[in-house]
PDB file of all heavy atoms in Angstrom:
ATOM      1  N   ILE A   1      -6.163  -1.351   2.831  1.00  0.00           N
ATOM      2  CA  ILE A   1      -6.539  -2.449   3.722  1.00  0.00           C
ATOM      3  C   ILE A   1      -6.001  -3.780   3.183  1.00  0.00           C
ATOM      4  O   ILE A   1      -5.482  -4.607   3.936  1.00  0.00           O
ATOM      5  CB  ILE A   1      -8.068  -2.496   3.901  1.00  0.00           C
ATOM      6  CG1 ILE A   1      -8.538  -1.273   4.678  1.00  0.00           C
ATOM      7  CG2 ILE A   1      -8.503  -3.783   4.586  1.00  0.00           C
ATOM      8  CD1 ILE A   1     -10.037  -1.051   4.633  1.00  0.00           C
ATOM      9  N   ILE A   2      -6.126  -3.975   1.890  1.00  0.00           N
ATOM     10  CA  ILE A   2      -5.632  -5.212   1.276  1.00  0.00           C
ATOM     11  C   ILE A   2      -4.116  -5.309   1.421  1.00  0.00           C
ATOM     12  O   ILE A   2      -3.591  -6.341   1.829  1.00  0.00           O
ATOM     13  CB  ILE A   2      -6.061  -5.296  -0.198  1.00  0.00           C
ATOM     14  CG1 ILE A   2      -7.581  -5.411  -0.276  1.00  0.00           C
ATOM     15  CG2 ILE A   2      -5.386  -6.466  -0.905  1.00  0.00           C
ATOM     16  CD1 ILE A   2      -8.143  -5.109  -1.637  1.00  0.00           C
ATOM     17  N   TRP A   3      -3.412  -4.225   1.102  1.00  0.00           N
ATOM     18  CA  TRP A   3      -1.954  -4.255   1.238  1.00  0.00           C
ATOM     19  C   TRP A   3      -1.548  -4.481   2.685  1.00  0.00           C
ATOM     20  O   TRP A   3      -0.579  -5.188   2.966  1.00  0.00           O
ATOM     21  CB  TRP A   3      -1.313  -2.977   0.699  1.00  0.00           C
ATOM     22  CG  TRP A   3      -1.050  -3.049  -0.766  1.00  0.00           C
ATOM     23  CD1 TRP A   3      -1.627  -2.321  -1.751  1.00  0.00           C
ATOM     24  CD2 TRP A   3      -0.120  -3.916  -1.420  1.00  0.00           C
ATOM     25  NE1 TRP A   3      -1.132  -2.677  -2.970  1.00  0.00           N
ATOM     26  CE2 TRP A   3      -0.192  -3.658  -2.796  1.00  0.00           C
ATOM     27  CE3 TRP A   3       0.771  -4.890  -0.983  1.00  0.00           C
ATOM     28  CZ2 TRP A   3       0.592  -4.333  -3.728  1.00  0.00           C
ATOM     29  CZ3 TRP A   3       1.555  -5.559  -1.907  1.00  0.00           C
ATOM     30  CH2 TRP A   3       1.453  -5.282  -3.258  1.00  0.00           C
ATOM     31  N   ARG A   4      -2.282  -3.912   3.608  1.00  0.00           N
ATOM     32  CA  ARG A   4      -1.986  -4.123   5.034  1.00  0.00           C
ATOM     33  C   ARG A   4      -2.117  -5.606   5.383  1.00  0.00           C
ATOM     34  O   ARG A   4      -1.331  -6.140   6.157  1.00  0.00           O
ATOM     35  CB  ARG A   4      -2.922  -3.279   5.883  1.00  0.00           C
ATOM     36  CG  ARG A   4      -2.640  -3.330   7.341  1.00  0.00           C
ATOM     37  CD  ARG A   4      -1.370  -2.561   7.676  1.00  0.00           C
ATOM     38  NE  ARG A   4      -1.212  -2.562   9.114  1.00  0.00           N
ATOM     39  CZ  ARG A   4      -0.159  -3.026   9.748  1.00  0.00           C
ATOM     40  NH1 ARG A   4       0.856  -3.485   9.075  1.00  0.00           N
ATOM     41  NH2 ARG A   4      -0.094  -3.016  11.053  1.00  0.00           N
ATOM     42  N   GLY A   5      -3.082  -6.270   4.785  1.00  0.00           N
ATOM     43  CA  GLY A   5      -3.250  -7.696   4.994  1.00  0.00           C
ATOM     44  C   GLY A   5      -2.122  -8.522   4.391  1.00  0.00           C
ATOM     45  O   GLY A   5      -1.913  -9.669   4.770  1.00  0.00           O
ATOM     46  N   LEU A   6      -1.407  -7.924   3.474  1.00  0.00           N
ATOM     47  CA  LEU A   6      -0.274  -8.604   2.826  1.00  0.00           C
ATOM     48  C   LEU A   6       1.064  -8.190   3.441  1.00  0.00           C
ATOM     49  O   LEU A   6       2.119  -8.379   2.837  1.00  0.00           O
ATOM     50  CB  LEU A   6      -0.275  -8.280   1.329  1.00  0.00           C
ATOM     51  CG  LEU A   6      -1.494  -8.775   0.553  1.00  0.00           C
ATOM     52  CD1 LEU A   6      -1.514  -8.178  -0.844  1.00  0.00           C
ATOM     53  CD2 LEU A   6      -1.499 -10.287   0.504  1.00  0.00           C
ATOM     54  N   SER A   7       1.021  -7.642   4.634  1.00  0.00           N
ATOM     55  CA  SER A   7       2.223  -7.068   5.238  1.00  0.00           C
ATOM     56  C   SER A   7       3.334  -8.084   5.502  1.00  0.00           C
ATOM     57  O   SER A   7       4.492  -7.703   5.668  1.00  0.00           O
ATOM     58  CB  SER A   7       1.874  -6.340   6.539  1.00  0.00           C
ATOM     59  OG  SER A   7       1.348  -7.237   7.489  1.00  0.00           O
ATOM     60  N   LYS A   8       3.022  -9.345   5.522  1.00  0.00           N
ATOM     61  CA  LYS A   8       4.052 -10.376   5.743  1.00  0.00           C
ATOM     62  C   LYS A   8       4.682 -10.877   4.444  1.00  0.00           C
ATOM     63  O   LYS A   8       5.559 -11.733   4.466  1.00  0.00           O
ATOM     64  CB  LYS A   8       3.452 -11.573   6.488  1.00  0.00           C
ATOM     65  CG  LYS A   8       2.838 -11.230   7.815  1.00  0.00           C
ATOM     66  CD  LYS A   8       3.878 -11.080   8.872  1.00  0.00           C
ATOM     67  CE  LYS A   8       3.169 -10.919  10.218  1.00  0.00           C
ATOM     68  NZ  LYS A   8       3.928 -10.202  11.167  1.00  0.00           N
ATOM     69  N   THR A   9       4.244 -10.336   3.307  1.00  0.00           N
ATOM     70  CA  THR A   9       4.774 -10.791   2.020  1.00  0.00           C
ATOM     71  C   THR A   9       6.037 -10.024   1.629  1.00  0.00           C
ATOM     72  O   THR A   9       6.272  -8.908   2.095  1.00  0.00           O
ATOM     73  CB  THR A   9       3.735 -10.626   0.891  1.00  0.00           C
ATOM     74  OG1 THR A   9       3.484  -9.234   0.687  1.00  0.00           O
ATOM     75  CG2 THR A   9       2.443 -11.351   1.219  1.00  0.00           C
ATOM     76  N   GLN A  10       6.805 -10.634   0.757  1.00  0.00           N
ATOM     77  CA  GLN A  10       8.014  -9.980   0.248  1.00  0.00           C
ATOM     78  C   GLN A  10       7.661  -8.720  -0.540  1.00  0.00           C
ATOM     79  O   GLN A  10       8.360  -7.717  -0.453  1.00  0.00           O
ATOM     80  CB  GLN A  10       8.786 -10.959  -0.647  1.00  0.00           C
ATOM     81  CG  GLN A  10       9.969 -10.335  -1.327  1.00  0.00           C
ATOM     82  CD  GLN A  10      11.274 -10.903  -0.840  1.00  0.00           C
ATOM     83  OE1 GLN A  10      11.299 -11.852  -0.082  1.00  0.00           O
ATOM     84  NE2 GLN A  10      12.352 -10.323  -1.276  1.00  0.00           N
ATOM     85  N   ALA A  11       6.577  -8.772  -1.307  1.00  0.00           N
ATOM     86  CA  ALA A  11       6.168  -7.609  -2.111  1.00  0.00           C
ATOM     87  C   ALA A  11       5.913  -6.402  -1.217  1.00  0.00           C
ATOM     88  O   ALA A  11       6.293  -5.275  -1.551  1.00  0.00           O
ATOM     89  CB  ALA A  11       4.922  -7.937  -2.923  1.00  0.00           C
ATOM     90  N   TYR A  12       5.281  -6.617  -0.093  1.00  0.00           N
ATOM     91  CA  TYR A  12       5.015  -5.519   0.842  1.00  0.00           C
ATOM     92  C   TYR A  12       6.308  -5.068   1.520  1.00  0.00           C
ATOM     93  O   TYR A  12       6.591  -3.872   1.605  1.00  0.00           O
ATOM     94  CB  TYR A  12       3.991  -5.952   1.897  1.00  0.00           C
ATOM     95  CG  TYR A  12       3.579  -4.830   2.825  1.00  0.00           C
ATOM     96  CD1 TYR A  12       2.541  -3.978   2.486  1.00  0.00           C
ATOM     97  CD2 TYR A  12       4.237  -4.626   4.037  1.00  0.00           C
ATOM     98  CE1 TYR A  12       2.159  -2.947   3.333  1.00  0.00           C
ATOM     99  CE2 TYR A  12       3.860  -3.599   4.882  1.00  0.00           C
ATOM    100  CZ  TYR A  12       2.830  -2.767   4.533  1.00  0.00           C
ATOM    101  OH  TYR A  12       2.459  -1.732   5.368  1.00  0.00           O
ATOM    102  N   ALA A  13       7.091  -6.026   1.990  1.00  0.00           N
ATOM    103  CA  ALA A  13       8.307  -5.710   2.737  1.00  0.00           C
ATOM    104  C   ALA A  13       9.309  -4.908   1.917  1.00  0.00           C
ATOM    105  O   ALA A  13      10.006  -4.051   2.464  1.00  0.00           O
ATOM    106  CB  ALA A  13       8.958  -6.996   3.244  1.00  0.00           C
ATOM    107  N   THR A  14       9.378  -5.156   0.625  1.00  0.00           N
ATOM    108  CA  THR A  14      10.385  -4.497  -0.209  1.00  0.00           C
ATOM    109  C   THR A  14       9.883  -3.221  -0.881  1.00  0.00           C
ATOM    110  O   THR A  14      10.642  -2.578  -1.596  1.00  0.00           O
ATOM    111  CB  THR A  14      10.908  -5.466  -1.287  1.00  0.00           C
ATOM    112  OG1 THR A  14       9.814  -5.899  -2.096  1.00  0.00           O
ATOM    113  CG2 THR A  14      11.605  -6.652  -0.657  1.00  0.00           C
ATOM    114  N   SER A  15       8.638  -2.854  -0.635  1.00  0.00           N
ATOM    115  CA  SER A  15       8.083  -1.647  -1.253  1.00  0.00           C
ATOM    116  C   SER A  15       7.981  -0.511  -0.237  1.00  0.00           C
ATOM    117  O   SER A  15       7.664  -0.738   0.919  1.00  0.00           O
ATOM    118  CB  SER A  15       6.686  -1.923  -1.817  1.00  0.00           C
ATOM    119  OG  SER A  15       6.752  -2.877  -2.837  1.00  0.00           O
ATOM    120  N   GLU A  16       8.248   0.680  -0.696  1.00  0.00           N
ATOM    121  CA  GLU A  16       8.071   1.867   0.148  1.00  0.00           C
ATOM    122  C   GLU A  16       6.852   2.685  -0.289  1.00  0.00           C
ATOM    123  O   GLU A  16       6.331   3.479   0.477  1.00  0.00           O
ATOM    124  CB  GLU A  16       9.321   2.742   0.126  1.00  0.00           C
ATOM    125  CG  GLU A  16      10.499   2.100   0.851  1.00  0.00           C
ATOM    126  CD  GLU A  16      10.206   1.773   2.319  1.00  0.00           C
ATOM    127  OE1 GLU A  16       9.588   2.606   3.003  1.00  0.00           O
ATOM    128  OE2 GLU A  16      10.592   0.689   2.762  1.00  0.00           O
ATOM    129  N   THR A  17       6.444   2.497  -1.544  1.00  0.00           N
ATOM    130  CA  THR A  17       5.232   3.139  -2.057  1.00  0.00           C
ATOM    131  C   THR A  17       4.433   2.106  -2.840  1.00  0.00           C
ATOM    132  O   THR A  17       4.986   1.111  -3.316  1.00  0.00           O
ATOM    133  CB  THR A  17       5.541   4.344  -2.967  1.00  0.00           C
ATOM    134  OG1 THR A  17       6.297   3.888  -4.086  1.00  0.00           O
ATOM    135  CG2 THR A  17       6.285   5.437  -2.233  1.00  0.00           C
ATOM    136  N   PHE A  18       3.145   2.362  -2.972  1.00  0.00           N
ATOM    137  CA  PHE A  18       2.248   1.428  -3.639  1.00  0.00           C
ATOM    138  C   PHE A  18       1.411   2.199  -4.651  1.00  0.00           C
ATOM    139  O   PHE A  18       0.830   3.240  -4.327  1.00  0.00           O
ATOM    140  CB  PHE A  18       1.342   0.745  -2.609  1.00  0.00           C
ATOM    141  CG  PHE A  18       2.128  -0.041  -1.600  1.00  0.00           C
ATOM    142  CD1 PHE A  18       2.672   0.579  -0.489  1.00  0.00           C
ATOM    143  CD2 PHE A  18       2.361  -1.385  -1.787  1.00  0.00           C
ATOM    144  CE1 PHE A  18       3.418  -0.126   0.434  1.00  0.00           C
ATOM    145  CE2 PHE A  18       3.114  -2.109  -0.870  1.00  0.00           C
ATOM    146  CZ  PHE A  18       3.643  -1.466   0.240  1.00  0.00           C
ATOM    147  N   ALA A  19       1.350   1.681  -5.880  1.00  0.00           N
ATOM    148  CA  ALA A  19       0.546   2.291  -6.937  1.00  0.00           C
ATOM    149  C   ALA A  19      -0.893   1.803  -6.782  1.00  0.00           C
ATOM    150  O   ALA A  19      -1.162   0.604  -6.872  1.00  0.00           O
ATOM    151  CB  ALA A  19       1.096   1.923  -8.307  1.00  0.00           C
ATOM    152  N   ILE A  20      -1.804   2.732  -6.536  1.00  0.00           N
ATOM    153  CA  ILE A  20      -3.205   2.402  -6.298  1.00  0.00           C
ATOM    154  C   ILE A  20      -4.067   3.127  -7.326  1.00  0.00           C
ATOM    155  O   ILE A  20      -3.867   4.316  -7.588  1.00  0.00           O
ATOM    156  CB  ILE A  20      -3.605   2.785  -4.858  1.00  0.00           C
ATOM    157  CG1 ILE A  20      -2.827   1.907  -3.880  1.00  0.00           C
ATOM    158  CG2 ILE A  20      -5.101   2.669  -4.650  1.00  0.00           C
ATOM    159  CD1 ILE A  20      -3.033   2.236  -2.432  1.00  0.00           C
ATOM    160  N   GLN A  21      -5.007   2.398  -7.911  1.00  0.00           N
ATOM    161  CA  GLN A  21      -5.924   2.970  -8.897  1.00  0.00           C
ATOM    162  C   GLN A  21      -7.093   3.645  -8.183  1.00  0.00           C
ATOM    163  O   GLN A  21      -7.779   3.002  -7.394  1.00  0.00           O
ATOM    164  CB  GLN A  21      -6.464   1.878  -9.823  1.00  0.00           C
ATOM    165  CG  GLN A  21      -5.419   1.233 -10.696  1.00  0.00           C
ATOM    166  CD  GLN A  21      -4.859   2.192 -11.721  1.00  0.00           C
ATOM    167  OE1 GLN A  21      -5.581   2.965 -12.323  1.00  0.00           O
ATOM    168  NE2 GLN A  21      -3.560   2.158 -11.909  1.00  0.00           N
ATOM    169  N   GLU A  22      -7.303   4.923  -8.445  1.00  0.00           N
ATOM    170  CA  GLU A  22      -8.413   5.674  -7.856  1.00  0.00           C
ATOM    171  C   GLU A  22      -9.028   6.541  -8.938  1.00  0.00           C
ATOM    172  O   GLU A  22      -8.368   7.416  -9.484  1.00  0.00           O
ATOM    173  CB  GLU A  22      -7.913   6.534  -6.691  1.00  0.00           C
ATOM    174  CG  GLU A  22      -8.980   7.352  -5.998  1.00  0.00           C
ATOM    175  CD  GLU A  22      -9.942   6.506  -5.172  1.00  0.00           C
ATOM    176  OE1 GLU A  22      -9.498   5.755  -4.300  1.00  0.00           O
ATOM    177  OE2 GLU A  22     -11.155   6.620  -5.424  1.00  0.00           O
ATOM    178  N   SER A  23     -10.270   6.267  -9.268  1.00  0.00           N
ATOM    179  CA  SER A  23     -11.009   7.039 -10.277  1.00  0.00           C
ATOM    180  C   SER A  23     -10.270   7.110 -11.608  1.00  0.00           C
ATOM    181  O   SER A  23     -10.175   8.164 -12.227  1.00  0.00           O
ATOM    182  CB  SER A  23     -11.306   8.448  -9.764  1.00  0.00           C
ATOM    183  OG  SER A  23     -12.047   8.400  -8.577  1.00  0.00           O
ATOM    184  N   GLY A  24      -9.705   5.982 -12.030  1.00  0.00           N
ATOM    185  CA  GLY A  24      -9.034   5.918 -13.322  1.00  0.00           C
ATOM    186  C   GLY A  24      -7.622   6.480 -13.333  1.00  0.00           C
ATOM    187  O   GLY A  24      -6.986   6.512 -14.372  1.00  0.00           O
ATOM    188  N   GLN A  25      -7.141   6.935 -12.194  1.00  0.00           N
ATOM    189  CA  GLN A  25      -5.787   7.465 -12.112  1.00  0.00           C
ATOM    190  C   GLN A  25      -4.968   6.629 -11.135  1.00  0.00           C
ATOM    191  O   GLN A  25      -5.501   6.074 -10.177  1.00  0.00           O
ATOM    192  CB  GLN A  25      -5.798   8.914 -11.647  1.00  0.00           C
ATOM    193  CG  GLN A  25      -6.479   9.848 -12.603  1.00  0.00           C
ATOM    194  CD  GLN A  25      -6.373  11.304 -12.144  1.00  0.00           C
ATOM    195  OE1 GLN A  25      -5.838  11.587 -11.087  1.00  0.00           O
ATOM    196  NE2 GLN A  25      -6.887  12.202 -12.946  1.00  0.00           N
ATOM    197  N   THR A  26      -3.677   6.563 -11.383  1.00  0.00           N
ATOM    198  CA  THR A  26      -2.788   5.854 -10.468  1.00  0.00           C
ATOM    199  C   THR A  26      -2.243   6.829  -9.450  1.00  0.00           C
ATOM    200  O   THR A  26      -1.711   7.879  -9.793  1.00  0.00           O
ATOM    201  CB  THR A  26      -1.628   5.201 -11.237  1.00  0.00           C
ATOM    202  OG1 THR A  26      -2.174   4.319 -12.217  1.00  0.00           O
ATOM    203  CG2 THR A  26      -0.723   4.421 -10.307  1.00  0.00           C
ATOM    204  N   VAL A  27      -2.406   6.472  -8.179  1.00  0.00           N
ATOM    205  CA  VAL A  27      -1.944   7.299  -7.074  1.00  0.00           C
ATOM    206  C   VAL A  27      -0.838   6.533  -6.361  1.00  0.00           C
ATOM    207  O   VAL A  27      -0.967   5.335  -6.108  1.00  0.00           O
ATOM    208  CB  VAL A  27      -3.108   7.578  -6.087  1.00  0.00           C
ATOM    209  CG1 VAL A  27      -2.652   8.398  -4.913  1.00  0.00           C
ATOM    210  CG2 VAL A  27      -4.273   8.238  -6.804  1.00  0.00           C
ATOM    211  N   SER A  28       0.244   7.198  -6.025  1.00  0.00           N
ATOM    212  CA  SER A  28       1.338   6.585  -5.289  1.00  0.00           C
ATOM    213  C   SER A  28       1.123   6.837  -3.797  1.00  0.00           C
ATOM    214  O   SER A  28       1.069   7.981  -3.354  1.00  0.00           O
ATOM    215  CB  SER A  28       2.670   7.181  -5.738  1.00  0.00           C
ATOM    216  OG  SER A  28       3.729   6.564  -5.045  1.00  0.00           O
ATOM    217  N   VAL A  29       0.985   5.758  -3.037  1.00  0.00           N
ATOM    218  CA  VAL A  29       0.701   5.866  -1.608  1.00  0.00           C
ATOM    219  C   VAL A  29       1.891   5.321  -0.819  1.00  0.00           C
ATOM    220  O   VAL A  29       2.295   4.176  -1.013  1.00  0.00           O
ATOM    221  CB  VAL A  29      -0.585   5.082  -1.250  1.00  0.00           C
ATOM    222  CG1 VAL A  29      -0.875   5.161   0.231  1.00  0.00           C
ATOM    223  CG2 VAL A  29      -1.763   5.599  -2.058  1.00  0.00           C
ATOM    224  N   PRO A  30       2.454   6.136   0.082  1.00  0.00           N
ATOM    225  CA  PRO A  30       3.587   5.666   0.888  1.00  0.00           C
ATOM    226  C   PRO A  30       3.174   4.565   1.869  1.00  0.00           C
ATOM    227  O   PRO A  30       2.032   4.507   2.317  1.00  0.00           O
ATOM    228  CB  PRO A  30       4.028   6.911   1.665  1.00  0.00           C
ATOM    229  CG  PRO A  30       3.312   8.063   1.059  1.00  0.00           C
ATOM    230  CD  PRO A  30       2.131   7.526   0.330  1.00  0.00           C
ATOM    231  N   LYS A  31       4.129   3.711   2.228  1.00  0.00           N
ATOM    232  CA  LYS A  31       3.875   2.607   3.152  1.00  0.00           C
ATOM    233  C   LYS A  31       3.317   3.109   4.482  1.00  0.00           C
ATOM    234  O   LYS A  31       2.446   2.472   5.073  1.00  0.00           O
ATOM    235  CB  LYS A  31       5.148   1.804   3.387  1.00  0.00           C
ATOM    236  CG  LYS A  31       4.911   0.539   4.210  1.00  0.00           C
ATOM    237  CD  LYS A  31       6.187  -0.228   4.466  1.00  0.00           C
ATOM    238  CE  LYS A  31       6.541  -1.035   3.247  1.00  0.00           C
ATOM    239  NZ  LYS A  31       7.690  -1.929   3.471  1.00  0.00           N
ATOM    240  N   LEU A  32       3.784   4.237   4.963  1.00  0.00           N
ATOM    241  CA  LEU A  32       3.285   4.786   6.226  1.00  0.00           C
ATOM    242  C   LEU A  32       1.777   5.018   6.177  1.00  0.00           C
ATOM    243  O   LEU A  32       1.058   4.699   7.124  1.00  0.00           O
ATOM    244  CB  LEU A  32       4.008   6.090   6.571  1.00  0.00           C
ATOM    245  CG  LEU A  32       3.560   6.779   7.853  1.00  0.00           C
ATOM    246  CD1 LEU A  32       3.808   5.886   9.063  1.00  0.00           C
ATOM    247  CD2 LEU A  32       4.262   8.103   8.023  1.00  0.00           C
ATOM    248  N   ILE A  33       1.275   5.524   5.066  1.00  0.00           N
ATOM    249  CA  ILE A  33      -0.173   5.754   4.913  1.00  0.00           C
ATOM    250  C   ILE A  33      -0.909   4.421   4.862  1.00  0.00           C
ATOM    251  O   ILE A  33      -1.991   4.276   5.438  1.00  0.00           O
ATOM    252  CB  ILE A  33      -0.467   6.591   3.647  1.00  0.00           C
ATOM    253  CG1 ILE A  33       0.212   7.956   3.754  1.00  0.00           C
ATOM    254  CG2 ILE A  33      -1.961   6.723   3.416  1.00  0.00           C
ATOM    255  CD1 ILE A  33      -0.230   8.817   4.920  1.00  0.00           C
ATOM    256  N   ILE A  34      -0.324   3.434   4.192  1.00  0.00           N
ATOM    257  CA  ILE A  34      -0.920   2.093   4.151  1.00  0.00           C
ATOM    258  C   ILE A  34      -1.091   1.570   5.576  1.00  0.00           C
ATOM    259  O   ILE A  34      -2.159   1.087   5.957  1.00  0.00           O
ATOM    260  CB  ILE A  34      -0.033   1.117   3.337  1.00  0.00           C
ATOM    261  CG1 ILE A  34       0.142   1.569   1.891  1.00  0.00           C
ATOM    262  CG2 ILE A  34      -0.538  -0.315   3.432  1.00  0.00           C
ATOM    263  CD1 ILE A  34      -1.014   1.357   0.986  1.00  0.00           C
ATOM    264  N   GLU A  35      -0.047   1.683   6.363  1.00  0.00           N
ATOM    265  CA  GLU A  35      -0.086   1.165   7.725  1.00  0.00           C
ATOM    266  C   GLU A  35      -1.071   1.934   8.599  1.00  0.00           C
ATOM    267  O   GLU A  35      -1.835   1.337   9.357  1.00  0.00           O
ATOM    268  CB  GLU A  35       1.322   1.171   8.316  1.00  0.00           C
ATOM    269  CG  GLU A  35       2.206   0.165   7.597  1.00  0.00           C
ATOM    270  CD  GLU A  35       3.657   0.199   8.024  1.00  0.00           C
ATOM    271  OE1 GLU A  35       4.026   1.038   8.868  1.00  0.00           O
ATOM    272  OE2 GLU A  35       4.416  -0.635   7.516  1.00  0.00           O
ATOM    273  N   GLN A  36      -1.071   3.251   8.496  1.00  0.00           N
ATOM    274  CA  GLN A  36      -1.991   4.064   9.306  1.00  0.00           C
ATOM    275  C   GLN A  36      -3.445   3.796   8.944  1.00  0.00           C
ATOM    276  O   GLN A  36      -4.294   3.665   9.827  1.00  0.00           O
ATOM    277  CB  GLN A  36      -1.678   5.550   9.128  1.00  0.00           C
ATOM    278  CG  GLN A  36      -0.393   5.966   9.779  1.00  0.00           C
ATOM    279  CD  GLN A  36      -0.025   7.405   9.475  1.00  0.00           C
ATOM    280  OE1 GLN A  36      -0.495   8.003   8.509  1.00  0.00           O
ATOM    281  NE2 GLN A  36       0.845   7.963  10.286  1.00  0.00           N
ATOM    282  N   THR A  37      -3.736   3.706   7.665  1.00  0.00           N
ATOM    283  CA  THR A  37      -5.112   3.457   7.232  1.00  0.00           C
ATOM    284  C   THR A  37      -5.584   2.083   7.690  1.00  0.00           C
ATOM    285  O   THR A  37      -6.704   1.937   8.179  1.00  0.00           O
ATOM    286  CB  THR A  37      -5.231   3.580   5.697  1.00  0.00           C
ATOM    287  OG1 THR A  37      -4.792   4.879   5.308  1.00  0.00           O
ATOM    288  CG2 THR A  37      -6.669   3.383   5.231  1.00  0.00           C
ATOM    289  N   GLY A  38      -4.719   1.086   7.558  1.00  0.00           N
ATOM    290  CA  GLY A  38      -5.085  -0.269   8.014  1.00  0.00           C
ATOM    291  C   GLY A  38      -5.386  -0.288   9.494  1.00  0.00           C
ATOM    292  O   GLY A  38      -6.379  -0.887   9.921  1.00  0.00           O
ATOM    293  N   VAL A  39      -4.579   0.363  10.287  1.00  0.00           N
ATOM    294  CA  VAL A  39      -4.796   0.416  11.734  1.00  0.00           C
ATOM    295  C   VAL A  39      -6.084   1.174  12.040  1.00  0.00           C
ATOM    296  O   VAL A  39      -6.866   0.767  12.900  1.00  0.00           O
ATOM    297  CB  VAL A  39      -3.585   1.028  12.452  1.00  0.00           C
ATOM    298  CG1 VAL A  39      -3.912   1.340  13.914  1.00  0.00           C
ATOM    299  CG2 VAL A  39      -2.388   0.096  12.356  1.00  0.00           C
TER     300      VAL A  39
END
C-alpha cells in the first residue's frame, strides 16, 4: 500500500521488484503484485 502511494516517484518507476520485510525475512514482491494489492 505504501509503495502504491509512491507510484509517482522515480524509485517506484525504476523498480520492477520491491524488497519487503515480513516476519524477519526479506521477500521480493513484483510491481504487478504491488499494483494489484493497492487497487
